[in-house]
């Protein structure tokens, strides 16, 4: 038999022991276990093999091309998060398509030595009337560029310290500072490096602008010198419609791909009131702005961004710098808000179900097109009251309303278009219909038809393509469906699910020697109360086992070992190649690990 209830061992131990024997509650929970004494118990396509010192049924076939392993040692006191190591191993080739002895591979995982980064920073310019750019400390962030879509985001941060003349005394005056320097020990790979100067002494209003160095490959030893001349200056005038107040609005420049700020931030002031006798028919006023910035990536034009202050119901406006800085000049640029002069209009609506009952919901209202302003964007996140009512003041235009029920998995996320012209009255009475959630349900058997029990069932939203920053803010993107989870009971599960695509997995309990069952990009229909039925079978595993060692070669216990596998799917934007997680375990105190994997994934 390959299925054995976990409670059996505990019960036998109590029957042969004292009357005071007790069984921990978690030990009494039954669960499916993969164990065998001979290959006859495993059925066709499998054999009985040694797995982590015990006998278990394993698959004799495997298709795991492109398998990626990630090792994450437990976070130390020095680091607030686990460090992610992507191992450069062609692991998938270690599993041949067929092996009658069983798909068990021994693989020791060594954490590679980190990349040693030694960097100096020399910032040009003078700030606050007398401080050199070299005197300002810098916060440095390394943002990993994932080699394939779907791997988790990872970033590391450090701070600079003054870099002084070699012969300068420790207590010498600040004039001896020739710049900043920093060190970092991080996994090798490609990173966006983001440097943000910090205030120095009492200089906080005129700090050097941030610098973004995109797509930097970092080898094992990297000596980096960042030498920035005096920053460029973006300055000019802003035409403001009569009656519109822009005090507190913020103007800056952002990177077009990531949205990272790459300039100082200018907070606009309203300015002096008009002189007595000024003609009242003047249609606009003029405000002036000035920000310093670094433009490191000349192949991509930064975006000039003008944001209203919090609570002001007007859109954020963007200009592409290359489109307004003729012949590269960034001085005396004239920007205009005259195209967004229409006053906001009150919009009121209610989220209700098919029977007209109110549904408490989180609501996002995002512009699809602001009247006369194609590069303006507005987004508002709010919540309804207990009666499903929401209110918003919005610039006239076209919008998409997303409504997500709060604490109610029986209802699904709704999407509804909204279009209205300018007007002084309320655009009221808008109803957003909240549909019934879909149902993702099914039955899960073991390899020999036995009902699986106790496994976690998880539906995680599938990842889509990475959209550049400007596309994110100008085009309403659907909210990802909510993650859904449950537990197998007598082989069955039933989950409420939003419409969309999920990476679906059945995850047997750790130590069961069963692999995850994985279905990538499982679609849940947008039809109201759609039911998706699944009839699934957990396979016998292909197994990786061995030891995990740190960079010195010492055993590394309590480290997460995570397996990822590439998948491909067609989307509206074209084919998407990404990875999904297909297994995870933690190493034992002696560094040993056993990682059961599904021998393949099915669509």
Protein backbone atom coordinates (compact mmCIF):
# COMPACT_ATOMS: atom_id res chain seq x y z
CA UNK A 1 0.00 0.00 0.00
CA UNK A 2 1.33 3.46 -0.82
CA UNK A 3 -1.25 5.39 1.22
CA UNK A 4 -0.94 5.26 5.00
CA UNK A 5 -2.74 7.47 7.49
CA UNK A 6 -0.34 9.56 9.52
CA UNK A 7 -2.26 8.85 12.71
CA UNK A 8 -1.51 5.11 12.61
CA UNK A 9 2.00 5.34 14.07
CA UNK A 10 0.86 7.58 16.93
CA UNK A 11 -1.98 5.20 17.86
CA UNK A 12 0.29 2.15 17.92
CA UNK A 13 2.76 3.99 20.13
CA UNK A 14 0.03 4.73 22.68
CA UNK A 15 -1.34 1.16 22.64
CA UNK A 16 2.07 -0.20 23.64
CA UNK A 17 2.88 2.56 26.13
CA UNK A 18 1.52 3.82 29.43
CA UNK A 19 -2.01 4.90 30.22
CA UNK A 20 -0.80 8.49 30.42
CA UNK A 21 0.12 8.58 26.72
CA UNK A 22 -1.37 11.54 24.87
CA UNK A 23 -1.46 12.38 21.20
CA UNK A 24 -0.91 15.99 20.09
CA UNK A 25 -3.93 17.35 18.25
CA UNK A 26 -2.01 17.92 15.03
CA UNK A 27 -0.75 14.32 15.08
CA UNK A 28 -4.31 12.99 15.12
CA UNK A 29 -5.21 14.70 11.86
CA UNK A 30 -5.24 12.08 9.15
CA UNK A 31 -3.29 12.72 6.01
CA UNK A 32 -2.15 10.84 2.95
CA UNK A 33 1.36 9.39 3.14
CA UNK A 34 3.48 7.94 0.35
CA UNK A 35 5.28 4.85 1.65
CA UNK A 36 5.97 1.38 0.30
CA UNK A 37 7.76 -1.88 1.02
CA UNK A 38 8.01 -3.10 -2.57
CA UNK A 39 7.44 -1.84 -6.10
CA UNK A 40 4.36 -4.03 -6.41
CA UNK A 41 2.54 -1.53 -4.21
CA UNK A 42 3.24 1.39 -6.52
CA UNK A 43 1.41 0.37 -9.68
CA UNK A 44 2.46 1.02 -13.28
CA UNK A 45 4.87 3.88 -14.09
CA UNK A 46 6.38 3.90 -10.60
CA UNK A 47 8.81 1.97 -8.41
CA UNK A 48 9.68 1.76 -4.71
CA UNK A 49 12.89 3.64 -3.92
CA UNK A 50 14.83 5.15 -1.04
CA UNK A 51 13.74 8.72 -0.37
CA UNK A 52 15.35 10.49 2.55
CA UNK A 53 16.08 7.24 4.36
CA UNK A 54 12.57 5.83 3.89
CA UNK A 55 10.93 3.82 1.15
CA UNK A 56 8.42 5.61 -1.08
CA UNK A 57 6.91 5.20 -4.51
CA UNK A 58 8.51 7.42 -7.16
CA UNK A 59 7.75 8.02 -10.81
CA UNK A 60 9.83 6.36 -13.51
CA UNK A 61 9.28 9.23 -15.97
CA UNK A 62 9.84 12.98 -15.73
CA UNK A 63 9.61 16.07 -17.92
CA UNK A 64 11.16 18.98 -16.01
CA UNK A 65 13.15 20.88 -18.62
CA UNK A 66 14.15 24.37 -17.49
CA UNK A 67 13.75 23.67 -13.78
CA UNK A 68 15.05 26.53 -11.61
CA UNK A 69 16.05 26.10 -7.97
CA UNK A 70 16.00 28.93 -5.47
CA UNK A 71 17.58 28.71 -2.01
CA UNK A 72 16.58 31.15 0.70
CA UNK A 73 18.49 30.84 4.01
CA UNK A 74 16.55 31.89 7.06
CA UNK A 75 16.79 35.64 7.63
CA UNK A 76 19.51 36.66 10.08
CA UNK A 77 19.49 39.51 12.55
CA UNK A 78 21.56 41.55 10.12
CA UNK A 79 19.00 41.13 7.33
CA UNK A 80 15.28 41.74 7.67
CA UNK A 81 14.41 39.38 4.80
CA UNK A 82 15.62 36.09 3.39
CA UNK A 83 18.31 36.39 0.73
CA UNK A 84 17.22 34.77 -2.54
CA UNK A 85 19.83 32.68 -4.39
CA UNK A 86 18.92 31.52 -7.89
CA UNK A 87 21.19 28.59 -8.60
CA UNK A 88 22.74 28.49 -12.06
CA UNK A 89 22.17 24.76 -12.54
CA UNK A 90 20.70 22.84 -15.45
CA UNK A 91 18.73 20.74 -13.00
CA UNK A 92 16.10 19.56 -15.46
CA UNK A 93 18.68 17.67 -17.53
CA UNK A 94 19.36 15.53 -14.46
CA UNK A 95 15.99 13.83 -14.92
CA UNK A 96 15.99 11.61 -18.03
CA UNK A 97 12.61 11.03 -19.67
CA UNK A 98 12.54 7.49 -18.28
CA UNK A 99 14.41 5.64 -15.53
CA UNK A 100 13.18 2.24 -14.42
CA UNK A 101 15.08 2.62 -11.12
CA UNK A 102 12.98 5.70 -10.27
CA UNK A 103 13.36 9.43 -10.73
CA UNK A 104 15.50 10.11 -7.65
CA UNK A 105 18.45 12.43 -8.13
CA UNK A 106 21.10 13.40 -5.60
CA UNK A 107 22.08 17.04 -5.83
CA UNK A 108 24.07 19.02 -3.28
CA UNK A 109 23.18 22.70 -3.38
CA UNK A 110 25.99 25.11 -2.64
CA UNK A 111 25.24 28.75 -1.94
CA UNK A 112 27.63 30.66 -4.20
CA UNK A 113 29.87 33.36 -2.83
CA UNK A 114 28.09 36.71 -2.95
CA UNK A 115 28.99 39.50 -5.29
CA UNK A 116 31.26 41.96 -3.51
CA UNK A 117 30.35 45.49 -4.51
CA UNK A 118 32.74 48.30 -3.67
CA UNK A 119 31.51 51.62 -4.97
CA UNK A 120 32.33 55.29 -4.77
CA UNK A 121 29.87 58.09 -5.46
CA UNK A 122 30.84 61.59 -6.57
CA UNK A 123 27.87 63.91 -6.94
CA UNK A 124 28.42 67.27 -8.57
CA UNK A 125 26.72 70.56 -7.86
CA UNK A 126 26.26 72.87 -4.89
CA UNK A 127 23.16 72.75 -2.71
CA UNK A 128 21.53 74.94 -0.07
CA UNK A 129 23.91 77.72 -1.07
CA UNK A 130 27.13 76.07 0.05
CA UNK A 131 27.14 72.28 0.44
CA UNK A 132 28.93 70.23 -2.21
CA UNK A 133 27.11 67.22 -3.59
CA UNK A 134 29.92 65.00 -2.34
CA UNK A 135 28.87 65.65 1.26
CA UNK A 136 25.39 64.16 1.03
CA UNK A 137 24.95 60.55 2.25
CA UNK A 138 23.23 58.18 -0.16
CA UNK A 139 20.75 55.36 0.36
CA UNK A 140 21.37 52.62 -2.19
CA UNK A 141 18.81 50.03 -3.30
CA UNK A 142 19.58 47.01 -5.47
CA UNK A 143 16.40 45.77 -7.18
CA UNK A 144 16.86 42.36 -8.77
CA UNK A 145 15.81 42.09 -12.41
CA UNK A 146 14.20 38.66 -12.52
CA UNK A 147 15.67 36.55 -15.37
CA UNK A 148 12.17 35.24 -16.07
CA UNK A 149 8.68 36.51 -15.28
CA UNK A 150 7.11 35.02 -12.17
CA UNK A 151 10.11 34.87 -9.87
CA UNK A 152 9.53 36.91 -6.71
CA UNK A 153 10.80 40.48 -6.52
CA UNK A 154 13.90 40.91 -4.40
CA UNK A 155 15.75 44.00 -3.27
CA UNK A 156 18.64 44.81 -0.97
CA UNK A 157 19.57 48.16 0.57
CA UNK A 158 22.59 49.76 2.11
CA UNK A 159 23.77 53.26 3.04
CA UNK A 160 26.91 55.16 2.16
CA UNK A 161 29.55 56.59 4.42
CA UNK A 162 31.88 59.53 3.78
CA UNK A 163 34.87 58.85 1.56
CA UNK A 164 37.73 61.03 2.79
CA UNK A 165 41.21 61.79 1.54
CA UNK A 166 43.58 58.90 2.33
CA UNK A 167 45.77 61.10 4.55
CA UNK A 168 42.89 62.95 6.23
CA UNK A 169 42.51 62.64 9.97
CA UNK A 170 39.37 60.99 11.34
CA UNK A 171 38.24 64.20 13.03
CA UNK A 172 39.17 66.48 10.13
CA UNK A 173 36.71 69.04 8.80
CA UNK A 174 34.02 67.97 6.29
CA UNK A 175 36.00 69.67 3.52
CA UNK A 176 38.21 66.55 3.42
CA UNK A 177 35.24 64.49 2.18
CA UNK A 178 35.78 63.69 -1.49
CA UNK A 179 32.53 61.79 -1.91
CA UNK A 180 30.64 58.80 -0.57
CA UNK A 181 31.38 55.09 -0.63
CA UNK A 182 29.40 51.95 0.05
CA UNK A 183 29.81 48.20 0.07
CA UNK A 184 27.34 45.38 -0.46
CA UNK A 185 27.42 41.59 -0.51
CA UNK A 186 24.48 40.35 -2.60
CA UNK A 187 23.77 37.46 -4.99
CA UNK A 188 25.17 37.94 -8.48
CA UNK A 189 22.72 38.89 -11.22
CA UNK A 190 21.18 41.86 -12.98
CA UNK A 191 19.90 44.77 -10.90
CA UNK A 192 18.38 48.20 -11.15
CA UNK A 193 20.54 50.35 -8.85
CA UNK A 194 18.70 53.26 -7.28
CA UNK A 195 20.64 55.92 -5.38
CA UNK A 196 18.71 58.40 -3.26
CA UNK A 197 20.76 61.19 -1.61
CA UNK A 198 19.70 62.01 1.94
CA UNK A 199 19.59 65.37 3.78
CA UNK A 200 22.92 66.66 5.11
CA UNK A 201 22.99 68.67 8.34
CA UNK A 202 20.24 71.28 7.98
CA UNK A 203 20.05 71.01 4.18
CA UNK A 204 16.84 69.11 3.39
CA UNK A 205 15.05 71.30 0.84
CA UNK A 206 17.78 71.24 -1.82
CA UNK A 207 19.19 67.69 -1.87
CA UNK A 208 20.89 66.16 -4.95
CA UNK A 209 18.41 64.28 -7.16
CA UNK A 210 18.18 60.46 -7.20
CA UNK A 211 20.01 58.41 -9.82
CA UNK A 212 18.67 55.23 -11.44
CA UNK A 213 21.15 52.90 -13.12
CA UNK A 214 19.01 50.30 -14.91
CA UNK A 215 19.93 46.72 -15.81
CA UNK A 216 23.38 46.53 -14.24
CA UNK A 217 25.00 43.05 -14.38
CA UNK A 218 26.81 42.49 -11.08
CA UNK A 219 29.61 39.90 -11.16
CA UNK A 220 31.35 38.26 -8.21
CA UNK A 221 33.69 41.22 -7.76
CA UNK A 222 32.54 44.66 -8.86
CA UNK A 223 34.32 47.93 -8.33
CA UNK A 224 32.02 50.73 -9.36
CA UNK A 225 32.69 54.43 -9.65
CA UNK A 226 29.61 56.64 -10.00
CA UNK A 227 30.72 60.09 -11.09
CA UNK A 228 27.84 62.47 -11.70
CA UNK A 229 28.46 65.98 -12.94
CA UNK A 230 26.31 68.88 -11.89
CA UNK A 231 22.70 67.83 -12.51
CA UNK A 232 20.58 69.22 -15.31
CA UNK A 233 17.82 71.67 -14.43
CA UNK A 234 14.24 71.47 -15.64
CA UNK A 235 12.68 74.87 -15.32
CA UNK A 236 10.01 76.95 -16.91
CA UNK A 237 6.46 78.12 -16.50
CA UNK A 238 3.12 76.45 -15.96
CA UNK A 239 -0.12 77.90 -17.34
CA UNK A 240 -2.90 77.37 -14.81
CA UNK A 241 -6.60 77.87 -15.69
CA UNK A 242 -8.28 80.75 -13.95
CA UNK A 243 -9.86 79.60 -10.70
CA UNK A 244 -7.66 76.51 -10.33
CA UNK A 245 -5.37 76.45 -7.32
CA UNK A 246 -2.11 74.52 -7.64
CA UNK A 247 -0.55 75.29 -4.27
CA UNK A 248 0.78 72.04 -2.85
CA UNK A 249 0.94 70.33 -6.26
CA UNK A 250 4.21 68.44 -6.90
CA UNK A 251 6.29 68.41 -10.06
CA UNK A 252 9.04 65.84 -10.65
CA UNK A 253 10.55 63.54 -13.28
CA UNK A 254 10.13 59.77 -13.24
CA UNK A 255 11.69 56.86 -15.07
CA UNK A 256 9.30 55.69 -17.83
CA UNK A 257 9.80 51.98 -17.13
CA UNK A 258 9.78 51.73 -13.32
CA UNK A 259 8.19 55.00 -12.24
CA UNK A 260 11.16 55.75 -9.96
CA UNK A 261 11.63 59.43 -9.16
CA UNK A 262 14.85 60.74 -10.78
CA UNK A 263 14.64 64.42 -9.83
CA UNK A 264 14.08 66.74 -6.98
CA UNK A 265 10.42 67.34 -6.14
CA UNK A 266 9.17 70.90 -6.54
CA UNK A 267 6.16 71.76 -4.36
CA UNK A 268 4.34 74.57 -6.12
CA UNK A 269 3.15 77.65 -4.29
CA UNK A 270 0.03 79.56 -5.27
CA UNK A 271 1.91 82.81 -5.49
CA UNK A 272 0.84 86.36 -4.84
CA UNK A 273 -2.74 87.53 -5.52
CA UNK A 274 -3.27 89.62 -8.67
CA UNK A 275 -2.34 93.27 -8.57
CA UNK A 276 -5.26 95.66 -8.07
CA UNK A 277 -6.70 96.64 -11.44
CA UNK A 278 -5.68 93.35 -13.15
CA UNK A 279 -8.24 92.57 -15.89
CA UNK A 280 -10.71 89.91 -14.73
CA UNK A 281 -10.94 88.38 -18.20
CA UNK A 282 -7.44 86.81 -17.90
CA UNK A 283 -7.98 83.12 -18.65
CA UNK A 284 -4.95 81.73 -16.86
CA UNK A 285 -2.18 82.49 -14.43
CA UNK A 286 1.47 81.49 -14.68
CA UNK A 287 3.46 79.57 -12.08
CA UNK A 288 7.15 78.81 -12.22
CA UNK A 289 8.98 75.58 -11.41
CA UNK A 290 12.57 74.38 -11.19
CA UNK A 291 13.94 70.92 -10.37
CA UNK A 292 17.36 69.36 -10.73
CA UNK A 293 17.60 65.89 -12.23
CA UNK A 294 19.93 63.23 -13.57
CA UNK A 295 19.15 61.62 -16.91
CA UNK A 296 21.33 58.50 -16.86
CA UNK A 297 19.62 56.42 -19.55
CA UNK A 298 19.65 58.61 -22.66
CA UNK A 299 17.86 55.95 -24.72
CA UNK A 300 14.63 56.47 -22.78
CA UNK A 301 12.92 59.80 -22.24
CA UNK A 302 11.92 60.60 -18.64
CA UNK A 303 8.39 61.67 -17.87
CA UNK A 304 7.55 65.02 -16.34
CA UNK A 305 4.82 64.39 -13.77
CA UNK A 306 2.56 66.97 -12.13
CA UNK A 307 0.49 65.64 -9.21
CA UNK A 308 -2.31 67.39 -7.34
CA UNK A 309 -2.07 67.43 -3.59
CA UNK A 310 -4.00 64.77 -1.70
CA UNK A 311 -7.75 65.31 -1.79
CA UNK A 312 -7.71 67.55 -4.87
CA UNK A 313 -10.03 65.91 -7.46
CA UNK A 314 -7.93 66.70 -10.50
CA UNK A 315 -5.83 64.34 -12.61
CA UNK A 316 -2.10 63.76 -12.62
CA UNK A 317 -0.65 65.03 -15.90
CA UNK A 318 2.38 63.61 -17.75
CA UNK A 319 4.64 65.01 -20.45
CA UNK A 320 7.39 63.10 -22.24
CA UNK A 321 10.54 65.16 -21.73
CA UNK A 322 11.91 64.41 -25.18
CA UNK A 323 8.69 65.76 -26.69
CA UNK A 324 8.86 69.13 -24.97
CA UNK A 325 12.63 69.68 -24.59
CA UNK A 326 13.39 70.73 -28.14
CA UNK A 327 17.01 70.05 -29.16
CA UNK A 328 17.65 68.74 -25.66
CA UNK A 329 17.19 72.06 -23.87
CA UNK A 330 15.39 71.75 -20.52
CA UNK A 331 15.23 75.44 -19.70
CA UNK A 332 12.28 77.77 -20.15
CA UNK A 333 9.80 74.98 -20.91
CA UNK A 334 6.18 76.03 -21.02
CA UNK A 335 3.73 73.49 -19.58
CA UNK A 336 -0.01 73.95 -19.58
CA UNK A 337 -2.96 72.74 -17.52
CA UNK A 338 -5.49 74.53 -19.70
CA UNK A 339 -6.73 71.22 -21.09
CA UNK A 340 -7.81 70.06 -17.62
CA UNK A 341 -9.73 73.16 -16.64
CA UNK A 342 -13.10 71.41 -16.17
CA UNK A 343 -14.26 71.23 -12.59
CA UNK A 344 -14.71 67.85 -10.96
CA UNK A 345 -18.21 66.41 -10.89
CA UNK A 346 -19.81 64.55 -8.02
CA UNK A 347 -20.43 60.87 -8.84
CA UNK A 348 -22.45 58.60 -6.57
CA UNK A 349 -23.19 54.93 -6.93
CA UNK A 350 -24.01 51.72 -5.13
CA UNK A 351 -22.63 48.20 -5.27
CA UNK A 352 -25.46 45.65 -5.25
CA UNK A 353 -25.93 41.96 -6.01
CA UNK A 354 -28.40 40.49 -8.49
CA UNK A 355 -31.23 40.76 -5.91
CA UNK A 356 -30.54 44.42 -5.22
CA UNK A 357 -28.92 43.80 -1.84
CA UNK A 358 -26.04 46.14 -0.98
CA UNK A 359 -22.53 44.63 -0.98
CA UNK A 360 -19.79 46.16 1.15
CA UNK A 361 -16.92 46.61 -1.31
CA UNK A 362 -13.53 48.15 -1.93
CA UNK A 363 -13.85 50.39 -5.00
CA UNK A 364 -11.18 51.56 -7.42
CA UNK A 365 -12.08 54.21 -9.98
CA UNK A 366 -9.46 54.65 -12.71
CA UNK A 367 -9.56 56.93 -15.72
CA UNK A 368 -9.53 55.50 -19.23
CA UNK A 369 -9.67 58.91 -20.93
CA UNK A 370 -9.79 62.36 -19.37
CA UNK A 371 -11.61 64.86 -21.60
CA UNK A 372 -9.13 66.77 -23.80
CA UNK A 373 -6.14 65.36 -21.86
CA UNK A 374 -4.85 62.04 -23.29
CA UNK A 375 -1.78 62.00 -21.01
CA UNK A 376 -3.68 62.75 -17.81
CA UNK A 377 -4.69 60.06 -15.35
CA UNK A 378 -6.85 59.83 -12.26
CA UNK A 379 -7.21 56.97 -9.80
CA UNK A 380 -9.18 56.81 -6.59
CA UNK A 381 -9.34 53.97 -4.07
CA UNK A 382 -12.23 54.08 -1.63
CA UNK A 383 -14.74 51.86 0.17
CA UNK A 384 -18.49 51.79 0.21
CA UNK A 385 -20.45 52.19 3.40
CA UNK A 386 -22.55 49.37 4.84
CA UNK A 387 -25.30 50.22 2.34
CA UNK A 388 -22.94 49.78 -0.63
CA UNK A 389 -22.85 53.53 -1.34
CA UNK A 390 -19.75 55.29 -2.65
CA UNK A 391 -19.12 58.91 -3.57
CA UNK A 392 -16.34 60.56 -5.55
CA UNK A 393 -15.52 63.87 -7.18
CA UNK A 394 -14.09 63.09 -10.63
CA UNK A 395 -12.84 65.08 -13.62
CA UNK A 396 -15.20 64.53 -16.59
CA UNK A 397 -14.21 61.68 -18.87
CA UNK A 398 -14.30 57.91 -19.24
CA UNK A 399 -13.55 55.61 -16.30
CA UNK A 400 -13.50 52.00 -15.24
CA UNK A 401 -14.92 51.08 -11.84
CA UNK A 402 -13.56 47.99 -10.12
CA UNK A 403 -15.46 46.76 -7.07
CA UNK A 404 -14.17 43.96 -4.87
CA UNK A 405 -16.39 42.56 -2.08
CA UNK A 406 -14.94 42.85 1.41
CA UNK A 407 -14.89 39.68 3.54
CA UNK A 408 -17.32 37.89 1.22
CA UNK A 409 -15.95 35.09 -0.95
CA UNK A 410 -19.42 34.25 -2.29
CA UNK A 411 -19.31 37.41 -4.44
CA UNK A 412 -16.89 38.15 -7.27
CA UNK A 413 -14.98 41.25 -8.36
CA UNK A 414 -16.94 43.51 -10.72
CA UNK A 415 -15.78 45.77 -13.55
CA UNK A 416 -17.97 48.47 -15.06
CA UNK A 417 -17.38 51.35 -17.46
CA UNK A 418 -18.47 54.89 -16.62
CA UNK A 419 -18.62 57.95 -18.87
CA UNK A 420 -19.97 61.38 -18.06
CA UNK A 421 -19.57 64.96 -19.32
CA UNK A 422 -18.80 68.08 -17.31
CA UNK A 423 -21.63 69.39 -15.21
CA UNK A 424 -22.54 71.09 -11.95
CA UNK A 425 -25.09 68.51 -10.84
CA UNK A 426 -24.48 65.09 -9.33
CA UNK A 427 -24.02 62.17 -11.70
CA UNK A 428 -25.90 59.95 -9.31
CA UNK A 429 -27.70 56.64 -9.30
CA UNK A 430 -24.93 54.54 -10.75
CA UNK A 431 -25.32 50.86 -9.86
CA UNK A 432 -22.39 48.45 -9.95
CA UNK A 433 -23.64 44.87 -10.14
CA UNK A 434 -21.57 42.48 -8.03
CA UNK A 435 -21.80 38.99 -9.55
CA UNK A 436 -21.81 35.74 -7.68
CA UNK A 437 -18.36 34.25 -7.34
CA UNK A 438 -17.41 31.30 -9.44
CA UNK A 439 -16.82 27.94 -7.84
CA UNK A 440 -13.66 25.97 -8.29
CA UNK A 441 -14.34 22.48 -7.04
CA UNK A 442 -13.31 18.95 -7.64
CA UNK A 443 -12.00 15.64 -6.44
CA UNK A 444 -8.38 14.69 -5.92
CA UNK A 445 -7.22 11.09 -5.94
CA UNK A 446 -3.87 9.54 -5.25
CA UNK A 447 -1.87 7.64 -7.87
CA UNK A 448 -3.81 4.42 -7.22
CA UNK A 449 -7.25 6.00 -6.99
CA UNK A 450 -7.29 6.50 -3.22
CA UNK A 451 -8.87 9.74 -1.98
CA UNK A 452 -6.30 12.30 -0.86
CA UNK A 453 -6.86 14.05 2.44
CA UNK A 454 -5.40 16.95 4.39
CA UNK A 455 -3.59 18.64 1.49
CA UNK A 456 -3.73 22.41 1.00
CA UNK A 457 -5.51 23.58 -2.15
CA UNK A 458 -4.31 26.92 -3.46
CA UNK A 459 -5.34 29.08 -6.43
CA UNK A 460 -2.84 31.93 -6.94
CA UNK A 461 -3.44 34.60 -9.62
CA UNK A 462 -1.26 33.95 -12.68
CA UNK A 463 1.25 36.64 -13.51
CA UNK A 464 0.89 38.74 -16.65
CA UNK A 465 3.30 40.77 -18.70
CA UNK A 466 5.22 43.62 -17.09
CA UNK A 467 3.68 46.90 -18.25
CA UNK A 468 5.83 50.06 -18.38
CA UNK A 469 4.92 52.71 -15.83
CA UNK A 470 3.12 55.07 -18.21
CA UNK A 471 0.96 52.24 -19.53
CA UNK A 472 0.02 51.32 -15.97
CA UNK A 473 -1.20 54.79 -15.09
CA UNK A 474 -2.96 55.63 -18.37
CA UNK A 475 -4.66 52.27 -19.03
CA UNK A 476 -6.96 50.69 -16.43
CA UNK A 477 -5.64 47.20 -15.76
CA UNK A 478 -8.01 44.61 -14.33
CA UNK A 479 -7.59 43.87 -10.67
CA UNK A 480 -6.00 40.44 -10.25
CA UNK A 481 -8.41 37.83 -8.91
CA UNK A 482 -8.22 37.15 -5.21
CA UNK A 483 -6.16 34.21 -4.04
CA UNK A 484 -8.32 31.30 -2.89
CA UNK A 485 -7.37 28.43 -0.60
CA UNK A 486 -8.85 25.43 1.16
CA UNK A 487 -8.05 21.96 2.49
CA UNK A 488 -8.85 18.59 0.97
CA UNK A 489 -11.52 16.74 2.97
CA UNK A 490 -12.09 13.16 1.90
CA UNK A 491 -10.61 13.96 -1.47
CA UNK A 492 -12.88 16.94 -2.22
CA UNK A 493 -12.52 20.72 -2.26
CA UNK A 494 -14.67 23.72 -3.14
CA UNK A 495 -13.36 27.28 -3.45
CA UNK A 496 -15.08 30.56 -4.25
CA UNK A 497 -13.13 32.24 -7.05
CA UNK A 498 -13.10 35.49 -9.00
CA UNK A 499 -13.00 35.21 -12.80
CA UNK A 500 -9.50 35.11 -14.19
CA UNK A 501 -6.48 32.85 -14.55
CA UNK A 502 -4.93 30.99 -11.64
CA UNK A 503 -1.90 28.85 -11.02
CA UNK A 504 -3.65 26.02 -9.21
CA UNK A 505 -1.89 23.58 -6.92
CA UNK A 506 -2.67 20.80 -4.46
CA UNK A 507 0.06 20.76 -1.82
CA UNK A 508 0.27 17.62 0.33
CA UNK A 509 1.59 18.04 3.84
CA UNK A 510 5.37 18.32 4.24
CA UNK A 511 6.86 14.93 4.98
CA UNK A 512 4.16 13.00 3.08
CA UNK A 513 6.62 12.34 0.18
CA UNK A 514 3.85 13.26 -2.24
CA UNK A 515 4.58 16.06 -4.73
CA UNK A 516 2.48 19.07 -5.45
CA UNK A 517 -0.09 18.70 -8.19
CA UNK A 518 0.16 21.80 -10.40
CA UNK A 519 -2.13 23.18 -13.10
CA UNK A 520 -0.79 26.44 -14.61
CA UNK A 521 -3.10 29.19 -15.86
CA UNK A 522 -6.36 27.53 -14.93
CA UNK A 523 -9.19 29.74 -16.24
CA UNK A 524 -12.31 30.59 -14.23
CA UNK A 525 -15.04 31.93 -16.50
CA UNK A 526 -16.42 35.45 -16.08
CA UNK A 527 -19.94 33.98 -16.28
CA UNK A 528 -21.98 34.75 -13.17
CA UNK A 529 -21.64 31.88 -10.65
CA UNK A 530 -19.58 29.81 -13.10
CA UNK A 531 -18.59 26.36 -11.87
CA UNK A 532 -15.25 24.85 -12.85
CA UNK A 533 -15.11 21.12 -12.16
CA UNK A 534 -11.78 19.33 -11.79
CA UNK A 535 -11.03 15.63 -11.51
CA UNK A 536 -7.39 15.36 -10.54
CA UNK A 537 -4.84 12.77 -9.55
CA UNK A 538 -1.69 13.46 -7.53
CA UNK A 539 1.21 11.63 -9.22
CA UNK A 540 4.15 9.89 -7.65
CA UNK A 541 7.10 12.27 -7.41
CA UNK A 542 10.38 12.84 -9.09
CA UNK A 543 12.71 13.53 -6.17
CA UNK A 544 15.67 15.80 -5.62
CA UNK A 545 17.61 15.14 -2.44
CA UNK A 546 21.00 16.02 -1.04
CA UNK A 547 22.50 18.70 1.16
CA UNK A 548 22.50 22.48 1.30
CA UNK A 549 25.79 24.19 2.13
CA UNK A 550 26.73 27.81 2.64
CA UNK A 551 29.52 29.57 0.79
CA UNK A 552 32.14 28.14 3.21
CA UNK A 553 30.94 24.59 2.62
CA UNK A 554 29.29 24.22 6.03
CA UNK A 555 25.85 22.54 6.24
CA UNK A 556 23.03 25.06 6.06
CA UNK A 557 19.94 24.12 8.05
CA UNK A 558 16.45 25.62 7.91
CA UNK A 559 16.91 26.99 4.39
CA UNK A 560 13.99 27.08 1.98
CA UNK A 561 14.57 25.12 -1.24
CA UNK A 562 12.05 26.24 -3.87
CA UNK A 563 11.49 24.79 -7.34
CA UNK A 564 10.19 26.79 -10.32
CA UNK A 565 9.26 25.53 -13.79
CA UNK A 566 8.73 27.54 -17.00
CA UNK A 567 5.26 27.58 -18.56
CA UNK A 568 3.88 29.44 -21.56
CA UNK A 569 0.42 30.82 -22.19
CA UNK A 570 -1.32 32.94 -24.79
CA UNK A 571 -2.70 36.30 -23.66
CA UNK A 572 -4.26 39.30 -25.39
CA UNK A 573 -0.75 40.78 -25.62
CA UNK A 574 0.72 37.60 -27.11
CA UNK A 575 2.55 34.58 -25.68
CA UNK A 576 3.70 34.97 -22.08
CA UNK A 577 6.57 32.88 -20.77
CA UNK A 578 6.81 32.73 -17.02
CA UNK A 579 7.60 30.35 -14.19
CA UNK A 580 5.34 28.81 -11.59
CA UNK A 581 6.29 27.30 -8.28
CA UNK A 582 6.05 23.49 -8.27
CA UNK A 583 7.53 22.55 -4.90
CA UNK A 584 9.15 23.73 -1.68
CA UNK A 585 10.86 22.22 1.34
CA UNK A 586 13.21 23.28 4.15
CA UNK A 587 16.56 21.74 4.89
CA UNK A 588 17.07 19.79 8.11
CA UNK A 589 19.49 21.00 10.82
CA UNK A 590 22.27 18.95 9.20
CA UNK A 591 21.60 20.64 5.84
CA UNK A 592 19.95 17.62 4.22
CA UNK A 593 16.82 18.12 2.16
CA UNK A 594 14.24 16.07 0.27
CA UNK A 595 12.21 17.82 -2.42
CA UNK A 596 9.39 15.81 -4.05
CA UNK A 597 8.41 17.33 -7.40
CA UNK A 598 5.57 16.64 -9.82
CA UNK A 599 7.16 14.74 -12.72
CA UNK A 600 5.44 17.18 -15.10
CA UNK A 601 2.77 19.87 -15.20
CA UNK A 602 -0.48 19.63 -17.11
CA UNK A 603 -2.39 22.43 -18.80
